[in-house]
Structure formats: C-alpha cells, structure tokens
C-alpha cells in the first residue's frame, strides 16, 4: 500500500471536500473575530510544528508528515476543545516513528516545553510528565484510524524532474529538466503549502504539478524561455536535438500539456497557493499587542485569537484541558 497512492488510505479516506472541512471548523469560528483568522491559525501552528521539528531535529519529510497528522486530527476535533500544543508534540512524536526517524519521548517533552515557553507562545505549564504525551499519542493514532502512511508532493516533484524512477502518469509527458535553482524553488513552494489545508483537499501529485507550474512562471529563466517561445514559435526539434537546451522552451509547454491531469484543477491549486502568499504577507508571529503586519484594525485581534485558544487549552488551574472527549472521561475517572 505504501507504494500505491490510489489504493492507499490517504487517497480513500483523507482527501476530503471543502464542505467537510467547513463543517469541522464551524464551532471554532465562534471564538475568532474574523473567519480569516482560522487561516492565520493554520500558518501559526504549521510554523510551530516546523520550529519544534528543527529543534528535535527532524527531516523536512517528517515535519511535513507531522503537519498532515495535525490537519487530519482537527478534521475530527475542535481547536476550542483541545490543547493544540500537546497535539503538536504528539504529531511530531508519531510522525518521527512513522517515518522511521524515532525520537525519544523525553526529548520531545523537554524540547516542547522549551519551544512553547518562548516569548510569543507563552505556554508555561506544558506537561512535563511523559505519560501525558504517551496518552495523547494513543488518542492521536486512534483519531487517525491508524492511517500513518502519508504521501507527499516531494516524491512526484523528484520523479517529474528525473531524480527518481518515473511512474505511469508521467509516461506521456516525459521528464522535465530543471536546473537546481528552479527545482529548489518548487521544493520551497511545496513546503509552504503545508501552511494551508491543501494537503487535505488535493492529492499530493496535483500539488507537486502546481508547484512546478508556479516555478515555470515565477522563475526568471524559465519564464523568459516560455515568453521567447511564445513570441517566436520554432519548428519541432529534430530527434537528435530533442534533449538540447535549444528545445527547452517548447519542452516546458509540451511537458505541462502532456501530463494526464486536469489543468483547470492545477490552475485552481496554483491560485490557492498565491492566495496563501497574499495571506501570509499580512500574518505576523508577533505578540498580540503588535497585531498583524500593516497594523490593520482587523489584524490586531489575530494574536488575541491565538492567546484565547491558548487560555482555553491551559486554564488558570494549571491543568491542560482534555485532548478530546474520550481523554476527558478518562481524566474524570481518575
């Protein structure tokens, strides 16, 4: 199953529609001043997962898997009824195991306490008891339905660019020869998509193709080559010149046209990525009194929304709220 996305639990159970996602966030919207702030929380928690992952340290693929676990968990749970910081620690811990890069539970707890207590997060009472994280791991895996195999766009990106063995769906389009700079740009775009909920809405290979599409448009060299080809269309290259750089511009267009995917869907994903960057420009990790970059009136409350959720998760009693309803019943039973 781990080598076949179409037969995997990822494809069958964890590619959801917008209506399901909207329903999952319906109650959380009561605790924010603007629906857009839920999108800011997506960036906030993804940045926090990346920060904790770097401290442990974890590879980028493990951090991406932890982020996907976090998104999946909150399809079935609410921010306002859980402790997102404990969930983040559990996601990193479980993702490290799933990606065969295990980290000792003591290290996860200690690094989480250090990370979350930093200025800007202010979580001073993160549980120091390893059993709390172990218990949260149990409920996380349960809500994930033990579906711990996650497919990422990185593999498709490397396959399309000739860095890994090709699969059937790229047979007609062939390989795309990208220099190191454009390839790195596409990789970074994929990293950025985890700040949104695209990983829940679209298959990973579609996200990878959208990242390549944006790279071809945004990178100076590839954009100039495509524009030059559009202005001066050249005849089809001869067979012995098919792989030369002189045919690169035409090859880029043929590559995108030859992929057996829905190009309107690719364009939609690309537009959502651009919208994410627009949103990200107005986001800030600053303390609540600093608000959003740009100082807009609506932005001043975004930090308060994060602080409000933190207060819900960590009340004055010093005991974090239950991770979910089942854990609450367990705590009540002693």
C-alpha atoms as a PDB file:
ATOM      1  CA  UNK A   1       0.000   0.000   0.000  1.00  0.00           C
ATOM      2  CA  UNK A   2       2.872   2.367   0.737  1.00  0.00           C
ATOM      3  CA  UNK A   3       3.873   2.423  -2.939  1.00  0.00           C
ATOM      4  CA  UNK A   4       0.399   2.811  -4.456  1.00  0.00           C
ATOM      5  CA  UNK A   5      -1.321   6.095  -3.676  1.00  0.00           C
ATOM      6  CA  UNK A   6      -4.589   5.140  -5.391  1.00  0.00           C
ATOM      7  CA  UNK A   7      -5.034   2.069  -3.174  1.00  0.00           C
ATOM      8  CA  UNK A   8      -3.831   3.813  -0.009  1.00  0.00           C
ATOM      9  CA  UNK A   9      -5.823   5.074   2.962  1.00  0.00           C
ATOM     10  CA  UNK A  10      -4.519   8.548   2.122  1.00  0.00           C
ATOM     11  CA  UNK A  11      -6.475   8.566  -1.133  1.00  0.00           C
ATOM     12  CA  UNK A  12      -9.518   6.653   0.106  1.00  0.00           C
ATOM     13  CA  UNK A  13     -10.103   8.406   3.440  1.00  0.00           C
ATOM     14  CA  UNK A  14      -8.027  11.570   3.780  1.00  0.00           C
ATOM     15  CA  UNK A  15      -8.673  13.568   0.614  1.00  0.00           C
ATOM     16  CA  UNK A  16     -11.788  15.424   1.720  1.00  0.00           C
ATOM     17  CA  UNK A  17     -14.059  18.071   0.232  1.00  0.00           C
ATOM     18  CA  UNK A  18     -14.499  21.678   1.314  1.00  0.00           C
ATOM     19  CA  UNK A  19     -17.899  21.043   2.859  1.00  0.00           C
ATOM     20  CA  UNK A  20     -16.381  18.551   5.306  1.00  0.00           C
ATOM     21  CA  UNK A  21     -13.588  20.957   6.137  1.00  0.00           C
ATOM     22  CA  UNK A  22     -16.014  23.821   6.656  1.00  0.00           C
ATOM     23  CA  UNK A  23     -18.150  21.700   8.968  1.00  0.00           C
ATOM     24  CA  UNK A  24     -15.064  20.768  11.021  1.00  0.00           C
ATOM     25  CA  UNK A  25     -14.261  24.445  11.641  1.00  0.00           C
ATOM     26  CA  UNK A  26     -17.830  25.645  12.214  1.00  0.00           C
ATOM     27  CA  UNK A  27     -17.706  25.763  16.026  1.00  0.00           C
ATOM     28  CA  UNK A  28     -14.186  27.206  16.132  1.00  0.00           C
ATOM     29  CA  UNK A  29     -15.446  30.214  14.168  1.00  0.00           C
ATOM     30  CA  UNK A  30     -17.371  31.298  17.268  1.00  0.00           C
ATOM     31  CA  UNK A  31     -14.070  32.009  19.051  1.00  0.00           C
ATOM     32  CA  UNK A  32     -12.430  34.234  16.428  1.00  0.00           C
ATOM     33  CA  UNK A  33     -13.266  37.752  15.351  1.00  0.00           C
ATOM     34  CA  UNK A  34     -12.982  37.004  11.637  1.00  0.00           C
ATOM     35  CA  UNK A  35     -13.206  33.722   9.668  1.00  0.00           C
ATOM     36  CA  UNK A  36      -9.891  34.608   8.051  1.00  0.00           C
ATOM     37  CA  UNK A  37      -8.198  34.165  11.405  1.00  0.00           C
ATOM     38  CA  UNK A  38      -8.690  30.409  11.168  1.00  0.00           C
ATOM     39  CA  UNK A  39      -6.366  30.588   8.151  1.00  0.00           C
ATOM     40  CA  UNK A  40      -3.895  32.561  10.270  1.00  0.00           C
ATOM     41  CA  UNK A  41      -4.049  29.788  12.871  1.00  0.00           C
ATOM     42  CA  UNK A  42      -3.164  27.288  10.127  1.00  0.00           C
ATOM     43  CA  UNK A  43       0.017  29.264   9.443  1.00  0.00           C
ATOM     44  CA  UNK A  44       0.693  29.736  13.153  1.00  0.00           C
ATOM     45  CA  UNK A  45       0.514  26.060  14.054  1.00  0.00           C
ATOM     46  CA  UNK A  46       2.399  24.938  10.933  1.00  0.00           C
ATOM     47  CA  UNK A  47       5.224  27.341  11.821  1.00  0.00           C
ATOM     48  CA  UNK A  48       5.224  25.965  15.353  1.00  0.00           C
ATOM     49  CA  UNK A  49       5.449  22.369  14.104  1.00  0.00           C
ATOM     50  CA  UNK A  50       8.373  23.367  11.868  1.00  0.00           C
ATOM     51  CA  UNK A  51      10.094  25.111  14.777  1.00  0.00           C
ATOM     52  CA  UNK A  52       9.714  22.115  17.075  1.00  0.00           C
ATOM     53  CA  UNK A  53      10.791  19.787  14.277  1.00  0.00           C
ATOM     54  CA  UNK A  54      14.011  21.725  13.772  1.00  0.00           C
ATOM     55  CA  UNK A  55      14.791  21.593  17.476  1.00  0.00           C
ATOM     56  CA  UNK A  56      14.410  17.819  17.737  1.00  0.00           C
ATOM     57  CA  UNK A  57      15.835  17.719  14.879  1.00  0.00           C
ATOM     58  CA  UNK A  58      13.655  16.138  12.202  1.00  0.00           C
ATOM     59  CA  UNK A  59      13.930  15.932   8.434  1.00  0.00           C
ATOM     60  CA  UNK A  60      11.592  18.057   6.319  1.00  0.00           C
ATOM     61  CA  UNK A  61       9.582  14.996   5.299  1.00  0.00           C
ATOM     62  CA  UNK A  62       8.965  14.138   8.960  1.00  0.00           C
ATOM     63  CA  UNK A  63       7.880  17.729   9.664  1.00  0.00           C
ATOM     64  CA  UNK A  64       5.515  17.552   6.687  1.00  0.00           C
ATOM     65  CA  UNK A  65       4.058  14.275   7.963  1.00  0.00           C
ATOM     66  CA  UNK A  66       3.552  15.793  11.426  1.00  0.00           C
ATOM     67  CA  UNK A  67       1.723  18.726   9.833  1.00  0.00           C
ATOM     68  CA  UNK A  68      -0.558  16.373   7.898  1.00  0.00           C
ATOM     69  CA  UNK A  69      -1.302  14.429  11.090  1.00  0.00           C
ATOM     70  CA  UNK A  70      -2.179  17.712  12.802  1.00  0.00           C
ATOM     71  CA  UNK A  71      -4.555  18.704   9.969  1.00  0.00           C
ATOM     72  CA  UNK A  72      -6.218  15.282   9.968  1.00  0.00           C
ATOM     73  CA  UNK A  73      -6.688  15.307  13.728  1.00  0.00           C
ATOM     74  CA  UNK A  74      -8.523  18.628  13.525  1.00  0.00           C
ATOM     75  CA  UNK A  75     -10.871  17.353  10.867  1.00  0.00           C
ATOM     76  CA  UNK A  76     -12.428  15.348  13.711  1.00  0.00           C
ATOM     77  CA  UNK A  77     -11.708  17.693  16.643  1.00  0.00           C
ATOM     78  CA  UNK A  78     -12.016  21.357  17.544  1.00  0.00           C
ATOM     79  CA  UNK A  79      -9.309  23.848  18.405  1.00  0.00           C
ATOM     80  CA  UNK A  80     -11.526  25.218  21.154  1.00  0.00           C
ATOM     81  CA  UNK A  81     -11.938  21.819  22.863  1.00  0.00           C
ATOM     82  CA  UNK A  82      -8.376  20.547  22.657  1.00  0.00           C
ATOM     83  CA  UNK A  83      -4.840  21.504  23.567  1.00  0.00           C
ATOM     84  CA  UNK A  84      -3.198  22.196  20.184  1.00  0.00           C
ATOM     85  CA  UNK A  85       0.264  22.405  21.754  1.00  0.00           C
ATOM     86  CA  UNK A  86       0.040  18.915  23.202  1.00  0.00           C
ATOM     87  CA  UNK A  87      -1.339  17.698  19.872  1.00  0.00           C
ATOM     88  CA  UNK A  88       1.623  19.283  18.039  1.00  0.00           C
ATOM     89  CA  UNK A  89       4.098  17.483  20.294  1.00  0.00           C
ATOM     90  CA  UNK A  90       2.259  14.183  19.762  1.00  0.00           C
ATOM     91  CA  UNK A  91       2.164  14.704  15.984  1.00  0.00           C
ATOM     92  CA  UNK A  92       5.934  15.232  15.854  1.00  0.00           C
ATOM     93  CA  UNK A  93       6.488  12.198  18.066  1.00  0.00           C
ATOM     94  CA  UNK A  94       4.239   9.909  15.995  1.00  0.00           C
ATOM     95  CA  UNK A  95       5.491  11.278  12.656  1.00  0.00           C
ATOM     96  CA  UNK A  96       9.087  10.554  13.655  1.00  0.00           C
ATOM     97  CA  UNK A  97       8.104   6.947  14.301  1.00  0.00           C
ATOM     98  CA  UNK A  98       6.074   6.652  11.101  1.00  0.00           C
ATOM     99  CA  UNK A  99       8.959   7.997   9.004  1.00  0.00           C
ATOM    100  CA  UNK A 100      11.474   5.704  10.729  1.00  0.00           C
ATOM    101  CA  UNK A 101      13.298   8.572  12.448  1.00  0.00           C
ATOM    102  CA  UNK A 102      12.223   7.951  16.054  1.00  0.00           C
ATOM    103  CA  UNK A 103      12.917  10.467  18.802  1.00  0.00           C
ATOM    104  CA  UNK A 104      12.859   9.581  22.491  1.00  0.00           C
ATOM    105  CA  UNK A 105       9.720  10.765  24.256  1.00  0.00           C
ATOM    106  CA  UNK A 106      11.795  12.600  26.889  1.00  0.00           C
ATOM    107  CA  UNK A 107      13.435  14.698  24.185  1.00  0.00           C
ATOM    108  CA  UNK A 108      10.064  15.570  22.649  1.00  0.00           C
ATOM    109  CA  UNK A 109       8.664  16.662  26.019  1.00  0.00           C
ATOM    110  CA  UNK A 110      11.713  18.710  27.002  1.00  0.00           C
ATOM    111  CA  UNK A 111      12.035  20.431  23.623  1.00  0.00           C
ATOM    112  CA  UNK A 112       8.291  21.127  23.564  1.00  0.00           C
ATOM    113  CA  UNK A 113       8.456  22.776  26.977  1.00  0.00           C
ATOM    114  CA  UNK A 114      11.374  24.957  25.853  1.00  0.00           C
ATOM    115  CA  UNK A 115       9.798  25.858  22.499  1.00  0.00           C
ATOM    116  CA  UNK A 116       6.302  26.609  23.766  1.00  0.00           C
ATOM    117  CA  UNK A 117       7.549  28.694  26.688  1.00  0.00           C
ATOM    118  CA  UNK A 118       9.336  31.134  24.376  1.00  0.00           C
ATOM    119  CA  UNK A 119       8.112  34.692  24.038  1.00  0.00           C
ATOM    120  CA  UNK A 120       5.208  34.799  21.614  1.00  0.00           C
ATOM    121  CA  UNK A 121       3.825  31.425  22.723  1.00  0.00           C
ATOM    122  CA  UNK A 122       3.814  31.789  26.490  1.00  0.00           C
ATOM    123  CA  UNK A 123       2.809  28.219  27.363  1.00  0.00           C
ATOM    124  CA  UNK A 124       4.448  27.937  30.784  1.00  0.00           C
ATOM    125  CA  UNK A 125       2.607  24.853  32.009  1.00  0.00           C
ATOM    126  CA  UNK A 126       3.144  22.338  29.227  1.00  0.00           C
ATOM    127  CA  UNK A 127       3.003  18.937  30.971  1.00  0.00           C
ATOM    128  CA  UNK A 128       6.396  17.608  31.995  1.00  0.00           C
ATOM    129  CA  UNK A 129       5.037  14.105  32.594  1.00  0.00           C
ATOM    130  CA  UNK A 130       5.975  11.790  29.719  1.00  0.00           C
ATOM    131  CA  UNK A 131       2.798   9.785  30.276  1.00  0.00           C
ATOM    132  CA  UNK A 132       0.677  12.764  29.142  1.00  0.00           C
ATOM    133  CA  UNK A 133       2.347  12.766  25.760  1.00  0.00           C
ATOM    134  CA  UNK A 134       2.150   8.973  25.557  1.00  0.00           C
ATOM    135  CA  UNK A 135      -1.567   9.177  26.323  1.00  0.00           C
ATOM    136  CA  UNK A 136      -2.045  11.844  23.681  1.00  0.00           C
ATOM    137  CA  UNK A 137      -0.215   9.613  21.220  1.00  0.00           C
ATOM    138  CA  UNK A 138      -2.836   6.912  21.809  1.00  0.00           C
ATOM    139  CA  UNK A 139      -5.750   9.261  21.078  1.00  0.00           C
ATOM    140  CA  UNK A 140      -3.993  10.788  18.069  1.00  0.00           C
ATOM    141  CA  UNK A 141      -3.392   7.402  16.439  1.00  0.00           C
ATOM    142  CA  UNK A 142      -6.983   6.438  17.230  1.00  0.00           C
ATOM    143  CA  UNK A 143      -8.406   9.546  15.537  1.00  0.00           C
ATOM    144  CA  UNK A 144      -6.086   8.977  12.596  1.00  0.00           C
ATOM    145  CA  UNK A 145      -7.584   5.463  12.360  1.00  0.00           C
ATOM    146  CA  UNK A 146      -4.009   4.114  12.341  1.00  0.00           C
ATOM    147  CA  UNK A 147      -3.508   5.596   8.859  1.00  0.00           C
ATOM    148  CA  UNK A 148       0.111   6.617   9.310  1.00  0.00           C
ATOM    149  CA  UNK A 149       1.307   6.302   5.711  1.00  0.00           C
ATOM    150  CA  UNK A 150       1.340   9.778   4.162  1.00  0.00           C
ATOM    151  CA  UNK A 151       2.171  10.574   0.543  1.00  0.00           C
ATOM    152  CA  UNK A 152       3.883  13.919  -0.091  1.00  0.00           C
ATOM    153  CA  UNK A 153       4.378  16.022  -3.241  1.00  0.00           C
ATOM    154  CA  UNK A 154       8.172  15.789  -2.906  1.00  0.00           C
ATOM    155  CA  UNK A 155       8.300  12.345  -4.495  1.00  0.00           C
ATOM    156  CA  UNK A 156       6.282  13.438  -7.520  1.00  0.00           C
ATOM    157  CA  UNK A 157       8.459  16.530  -7.922  1.00  0.00           C
ATOM    158  CA  UNK A 158      11.632  14.460  -7.981  1.00  0.00           C
ATOM    159  CA  UNK A 159      10.057  11.910 -10.324  1.00  0.00           C
ATOM    160  CA  UNK A 160       8.911  14.522 -12.832  1.00  0.00           C
ATOM    161  CA  UNK A 161      12.333  16.155 -12.761  1.00  0.00           C
ATOM    162  CA  UNK A 162      14.131  12.883 -13.388  1.00  0.00           C
ATOM    163  CA  UNK A 163      15.540  12.405  -9.896  1.00  0.00           C
ATOM    164  CA  UNK A 164      13.571   9.205  -9.220  1.00  0.00           C
ATOM    165  CA  UNK A 165      12.023   6.359 -11.217  1.00  0.00           C
ATOM    166  CA  UNK A 166       9.112   7.551 -13.353  1.00  0.00           C
ATOM    167  CA  UNK A 167       5.541   6.349 -12.835  1.00  0.00           C
ATOM    168  CA  UNK A 168       2.809   5.629 -15.337  1.00  0.00           C
ATOM    169  CA  UNK A 169       1.083   9.012 -15.168  1.00  0.00           C
ATOM    170  CA  UNK A 170       4.225  10.839 -16.382  1.00  0.00           C
ATOM    171  CA  UNK A 171       4.974   8.465 -19.221  1.00  0.00           C
ATOM    172  CA  UNK A 172       3.385  10.652 -21.897  1.00  0.00           C
ATOM    173  CA  UNK A 173       4.854  13.929 -20.638  1.00  0.00           C
ATOM    174  CA  UNK A 174       8.362  12.574 -20.137  1.00  0.00           C
ATOM    175  CA  UNK A 175      10.899  14.184 -17.855  1.00  0.00           C
ATOM    176  CA  UNK A 176      11.322  17.873 -17.135  1.00  0.00           C
ATOM    177  CA  UNK A 177      14.878  19.104 -16.941  1.00  0.00           C
ATOM    178  CA  UNK A 178      15.035  21.800 -14.259  1.00  0.00           C
ATOM    179  CA  UNK A 179      18.202  23.428 -13.040  1.00  0.00           C
ATOM    180  CA  UNK A 180      18.999  23.349  -9.349  1.00  0.00           C
ATOM    181  CA  UNK A 181      17.589  26.844  -8.741  1.00  0.00           C
ATOM    182  CA  UNK A 182      14.096  26.258 -10.196  1.00  0.00           C
ATOM    183  CA  UNK A 183      13.971  22.792  -8.610  1.00  0.00           C
ATOM    184  CA  UNK A 184      14.720  24.309  -5.218  1.00  0.00           C
ATOM    185  CA  UNK A 185      12.020  26.929  -5.796  1.00  0.00           C
ATOM    186  CA  UNK A 186       9.445  24.214  -6.470  1.00  0.00           C
ATOM    187  CA  UNK A 187      10.574  22.374  -3.322  1.00  0.00           C
ATOM    188  CA  UNK A 188      10.131  25.526  -1.229  1.00  0.00           C
ATOM    189  CA  UNK A 189       6.657  26.121  -2.691  1.00  0.00           C
ATOM    190  CA  UNK A 190       5.660  22.612  -1.620  1.00  0.00           C
ATOM    191  CA  UNK A 191       6.998  23.345   1.873  1.00  0.00           C
ATOM    192  CA  UNK A 192       4.833  26.470   2.000  1.00  0.00           C
ATOM    193  CA  UNK A 193       1.649  24.614   1.040  1.00  0.00           C
ATOM    194  CA  UNK A 194       1.656  22.926   4.463  1.00  0.00           C
ATOM    195  CA  UNK A 195       0.758  26.326   5.956  1.00  0.00           C
ATOM    196  CA  UNK A 196      -2.672  25.798   4.403  1.00  0.00           C
ATOM    197  CA  UNK A 197      -5.119  22.896   4.222  1.00  0.00           C
ATOM    198  CA  UNK A 198      -4.288  21.962   0.636  1.00  0.00           C
ATOM    199  CA  UNK A 199      -2.875  18.625   1.844  1.00  0.00           C
ATOM    200  CA  UNK A 200      -6.431  17.672   2.862  1.00  0.00           C
ATOM    201  CA  UNK A 201      -8.139  18.863  -0.302  1.00  0.00           C
ATOM    202  CA  UNK A 202      -5.960  17.630  -3.168  1.00  0.00           C
ATOM    203  CA  UNK A 203      -3.797  14.584  -3.986  1.00  0.00           C
ATOM    204  CA  UNK A 204      -0.076  15.210  -3.485  1.00  0.00           C
ATOM    205  CA  UNK A 205       0.854  14.763  -7.147  1.00  0.00           C
ATOM    206  CA  UNK A 206      -1.523  17.594  -8.094  1.00  0.00           C
ATOM    207  CA  UNK A 207       0.118  19.889  -5.568  1.00  0.00           C
ATOM    208  CA  UNK A 208       3.552  18.983  -6.948  1.00  0.00           C
ATOM    209  CA  UNK A 209       2.489  19.794 -10.515  1.00  0.00           C
ATOM    210  CA  UNK A 210       1.008  23.111  -9.357  1.00  0.00           C
ATOM    211  CA  UNK A 211       4.325  23.913  -7.663  1.00  0.00           C
ATOM    212  CA  UNK A 212       6.164  23.161 -10.911  1.00  0.00           C
ATOM    213  CA  UNK A 213       3.704  25.325 -12.822  1.00  0.00           C
ATOM    214  CA  UNK A 214       4.289  28.252 -10.477  1.00  0.00           C
ATOM    215  CA  UNK A 215       8.037  27.726 -10.706  1.00  0.00           C
ATOM    216  CA  UNK A 216       7.936  27.874 -14.511  1.00  0.00           C
ATOM    217  CA  UNK A 217       6.008  31.137 -14.291  1.00  0.00           C
ATOM    218  CA  UNK A 218       7.827  32.803 -11.390  1.00  0.00           C
ATOM    219  CA  UNK A 219      11.426  31.761 -12.052  1.00  0.00           C
ATOM    220  CA  UNK A 220      13.197  34.307 -14.259  1.00  0.00           C
ATOM    221  CA  UNK A 221      14.985  31.832 -16.540  1.00  0.00           C
ATOM    222  CA  UNK A 222      12.041  29.554 -17.220  1.00  0.00           C
ATOM    223  CA  UNK A 223       9.620  32.479 -17.615  1.00  0.00           C
ATOM    224  CA  UNK A 224      11.877  34.211 -20.144  1.00  0.00           C
ATOM    225  CA  UNK A 225      12.260  30.957 -22.076  1.00  0.00           C
ATOM    226  CA  UNK A 226       8.488  30.452 -22.279  1.00  0.00           C
ATOM    227  CA  UNK A 227       7.883  34.067 -23.315  1.00  0.00           C
ATOM    228  CA  UNK A 228      10.542  33.835 -26.011  1.00  0.00           C
ATOM    229  CA  UNK A 229       8.966  30.641 -27.346  1.00  0.00           C
ATOM    230  CA  UNK A 230       5.524  32.273 -27.410  1.00  0.00           C
ATOM    231  CA  UNK A 231       6.860  35.317 -29.291  1.00  0.00           C
ATOM    232  CA  UNK A 232       8.899  33.307 -31.813  1.00  0.00           C
ATOM    233  CA  UNK A 233       7.486  29.810 -32.182  1.00  0.00           C
ATOM    234  CA  UNK A 234      10.087  27.446 -33.573  1.00  0.00           C
ATOM    235  CA  UNK A 235       9.517  24.291 -35.649  1.00  0.00           C
ATOM    236  CA  UNK A 236       9.571  20.991 -33.774  1.00  0.00           C
ATOM    237  CA  UNK A 237      13.155  19.999 -32.941  1.00  0.00           C
ATOM    238  CA  UNK A 238      14.778  17.110 -34.743  1.00  0.00           C
ATOM    239  CA  UNK A 239      15.145  13.801 -32.973  1.00  0.00           C
ATOM    240  CA  UNK A 240      18.825  14.273 -32.214  1.00  0.00           C
ATOM    241  CA  UNK A 241      18.178  17.720 -30.754  1.00  0.00           C
ATOM    242  CA  UNK A 242      15.214  16.761 -28.596  1.00  0.00           C
ATOM    243  CA  UNK A 243      17.224  16.919 -25.408  1.00  0.00           C
ATOM    244  CA  UNK A 244      19.253  20.040 -26.108  1.00  0.00           C
ATOM    245  CA  UNK A 245      18.728  23.329 -24.357  1.00  0.00           C
ATOM    246  CA  UNK A 246      17.574  24.898 -27.627  1.00  0.00           C
ATOM    247  CA  UNK A 247      14.323  22.956 -27.265  1.00  0.00           C
ATOM    248  CA  UNK A 248      13.850  23.751 -23.582  1.00  0.00           C
ATOM    249  CA  UNK A 249      11.149  26.399 -24.042  1.00  0.00           C
ATOM    250  CA  UNK A 250       8.972  24.247 -26.271  1.00  0.00           C
ATOM    251  CA  UNK A 251       9.626  21.298 -23.982  1.00  0.00           C
ATOM    252  CA  UNK A 252       8.235  23.133 -20.968  1.00  0.00           C
ATOM    253  CA  UNK A 253       4.925  23.750 -22.712  1.00  0.00           C
ATOM    254  CA  UNK A 254       4.722  20.212 -24.091  1.00  0.00           C
ATOM    255  CA  UNK A 255       5.527  18.835 -20.656  1.00  0.00           C
ATOM    256  CA  UNK A 256       2.605  20.593 -18.969  1.00  0.00           C
ATOM    257  CA  UNK A 257       0.241  19.740 -21.831  1.00  0.00           C
ATOM    258  CA  UNK A 258       1.296  16.092 -21.813  1.00  0.00           C
ATOM    259  CA  UNK A 259       0.504  15.428 -18.155  1.00  0.00           C
ATOM    260  CA  UNK A 260      -2.605  13.305 -17.708  1.00  0.00           C
ATOM    261  CA  UNK A 261      -4.139  15.589 -15.097  1.00  0.00           C
ATOM    262  CA  UNK A 262      -6.844  18.234 -15.015  1.00  0.00           C
ATOM    263  CA  UNK A 263      -5.106  21.509 -15.917  1.00  0.00           C
ATOM    264  CA  UNK A 264      -8.053  23.614 -14.608  1.00  0.00           C
ATOM    265  CA  UNK A 265      -7.563  21.904 -11.231  1.00  0.00           C
ATOM    266  CA  UNK A 266      -3.829  22.640 -11.393  1.00  0.00           C
ATOM    267  CA  UNK A 267      -4.635  26.279 -12.092  1.00  0.00           C
ATOM    268  CA  UNK A 268      -7.025  26.315  -9.132  1.00  0.00           C
ATOM    269  CA  UNK A 269      -4.376  24.906  -6.798  1.00  0.00           C
ATOM    270  CA  UNK A 270      -1.853  27.443  -8.099  1.00  0.00           C
ATOM    271  CA  UNK A 271      -4.313  30.236  -7.393  1.00  0.00           C
ATOM    272  CA  UNK A 272      -4.839  28.959  -3.856  1.00  0.00           C
ATOM    273  CA  UNK A 273      -1.080  28.903  -3.291  1.00  0.00           C
ATOM    274  CA  UNK A 274      -0.858  32.515  -4.471  1.00  0.00           C
ATOM    275  CA  UNK A 275      -3.731  33.394  -2.146  1.00  0.00           C
ATOM    276  CA  UNK A 276      -1.791  31.736   0.681  1.00  0.00           C
ATOM    277  CA  UNK A 277       1.184  34.005  -0.020  1.00  0.00           C
ATOM    278  CA  UNK A 278      -1.103  37.040  -0.033  1.00  0.00           C
ATOM    279  CA  UNK A 279      -2.485  35.964   3.339  1.00  0.00           C
ATOM    280  CA  UNK A 280       0.989  35.208   4.652  1.00  0.00           C
ATOM    281  CA  UNK A 281       2.153  38.763   3.896  1.00  0.00           C
ATOM    282  CA  UNK A 282      -0.400  40.066   6.385  1.00  0.00           C
ATOM    283  CA  UNK A 283       0.427  37.488   9.029  1.00  0.00           C
ATOM    284  CA  UNK A 284       2.836  38.026  11.898  1.00  0.00           C
ATOM    285  CA  UNK A 285       4.117  35.834  14.722  1.00  0.00           C
ATOM    286  CA  UNK A 286       4.395  38.927  16.889  1.00  0.00           C
ATOM    287  CA  UNK A 287       2.817  39.230  20.312  1.00  0.00           C
ATOM    288  CA  UNK A 288      -0.915  40.050  20.464  1.00  0.00           C
ATOM    289  CA  UNK A 289      -0.404  43.779  21.075  1.00  0.00           C
ATOM    290  CA  UNK A 290       1.628  44.052  17.863  1.00  0.00           C
ATOM    291  CA  UNK A 291      -1.140  42.569  15.742  1.00  0.00           C
ATOM    292  CA  UNK A 292      -0.665  41.841  12.063  1.00  0.00           C
ATOM    293  CA  UNK A 293       1.983  43.349   9.891  1.00  0.00           C
ATOM    294  CA  UNK A 294       0.494  46.508   8.475  1.00  0.00           C
ATOM    295  CA  UNK A 295      -1.474  47.314  11.635  1.00  0.00           C
ATOM    296  CA  UNK A 296      -4.951  46.902  10.235  1.00  0.00           C
ATOM    297  CA  UNK A 297      -7.809  47.030  12.670  1.00  0.00           C
ATOM    298  CA  UNK A 298      -8.943  43.501  11.908  1.00  0.00           C
ATOM    299  CA  UNK A 299      -5.411  42.188  12.217  1.00  0.00           C
ATOM    300  CA  UNK A 300      -4.949  43.465  15.768  1.00  0.00           C
ATOM    301  CA  UNK A 301      -7.180  40.693  17.087  1.00  0.00           C
ATOM    302  CA  UNK A 302      -5.387  37.785  15.436  1.00  0.00           C
ATOM    303  CA  UNK A 303      -2.861  37.453  18.202  1.00  0.00           C
ATOM    304  CA  UNK A 304      -5.715  37.657  20.680  1.00  0.00           C
ATOM    305  CA  UNK A 305      -7.373  34.699  18.924  1.00  0.00           C
ATOM    306  CA  UNK A 306      -4.229  32.624  19.411  1.00  0.00           C
ATOM    307  CA  UNK A 307      -3.983  33.745  23.032  1.00  0.00           C
ATOM    308  CA  UNK A 308      -7.663  32.952  23.573  1.00  0.00           C
ATOM    309  CA  UNK A 309      -7.175  29.406  22.316  1.00  0.00           C
ATOM    310  CA  UNK A 310      -4.077  29.088  24.482  1.00  0.00           C
ATOM    311  CA  UNK A 311      -6.102  30.199  27.507  1.00  0.00           C
ATOM    312  CA  UNK A 312      -8.772  27.636  26.683  1.00  0.00           C
ATOM    313  CA  UNK A 313      -6.147  24.897  26.418  1.00  0.00           C
ATOM    314  CA  UNK A 314      -4.242  25.978  29.530  1.00  0.00           C
ATOM    315  CA  UNK A 315      -6.626  27.398  32.169  1.00  0.00           C
ATOM    316  CA  UNK A 316      -5.534  29.130  35.366  1.00  0.00           C
ATOM    317  CA  UNK A 317      -5.753  25.849  37.267  1.00  0.00           C
ATOM    318  CA  UNK A 318      -2.530  24.811  35.537  1.00  0.00           C
ATOM    319  CA  UNK A 319      -4.013  21.556  34.204  1.00  0.00           C
ATOM    320  CA  UNK A 320      -4.421  21.436  30.414  1.00  0.00           C
ATOM    321  CA  UNK A 321      -7.871  20.585  29.176  1.00  0.00           C
ATOM    322  CA  UNK A 322      -8.560  17.114  27.850  1.00  0.00           C
ATOM    323  CA  UNK A 323      -7.208  16.387  24.403  1.00  0.00           C
ATOM    324  CA  UNK A 324     -10.615  15.156  23.347  1.00  0.00           C
ATOM    325  CA  UNK A 325     -13.847  13.861  24.859  1.00  0.00           C
ATOM    326  CA  UNK A 326     -12.545  10.357  25.463  1.00  0.00           C
ATOM    327  CA  UNK A 327      -9.493  11.674  27.272  1.00  0.00           C
ATOM    328  CA  UNK A 328     -11.773  13.927  29.333  1.00  0.00           C
ATOM    329  CA  UNK A 329     -13.769  10.931  30.502  1.00  0.00           C
ATOM    330  CA  UNK A 330     -10.543   9.092  31.316  1.00  0.00           C
ATOM    331  CA  UNK A 331      -9.284  12.008  33.420  1.00  0.00           C
ATOM    332  CA  UNK A 332     -12.625  12.283  35.198  1.00  0.00           C
ATOM    333  CA  UNK A 333     -12.442   8.616  36.105  1.00  0.00           C
ATOM    334  CA  UNK A 334      -9.064   9.230  37.728  1.00  0.00           C
END
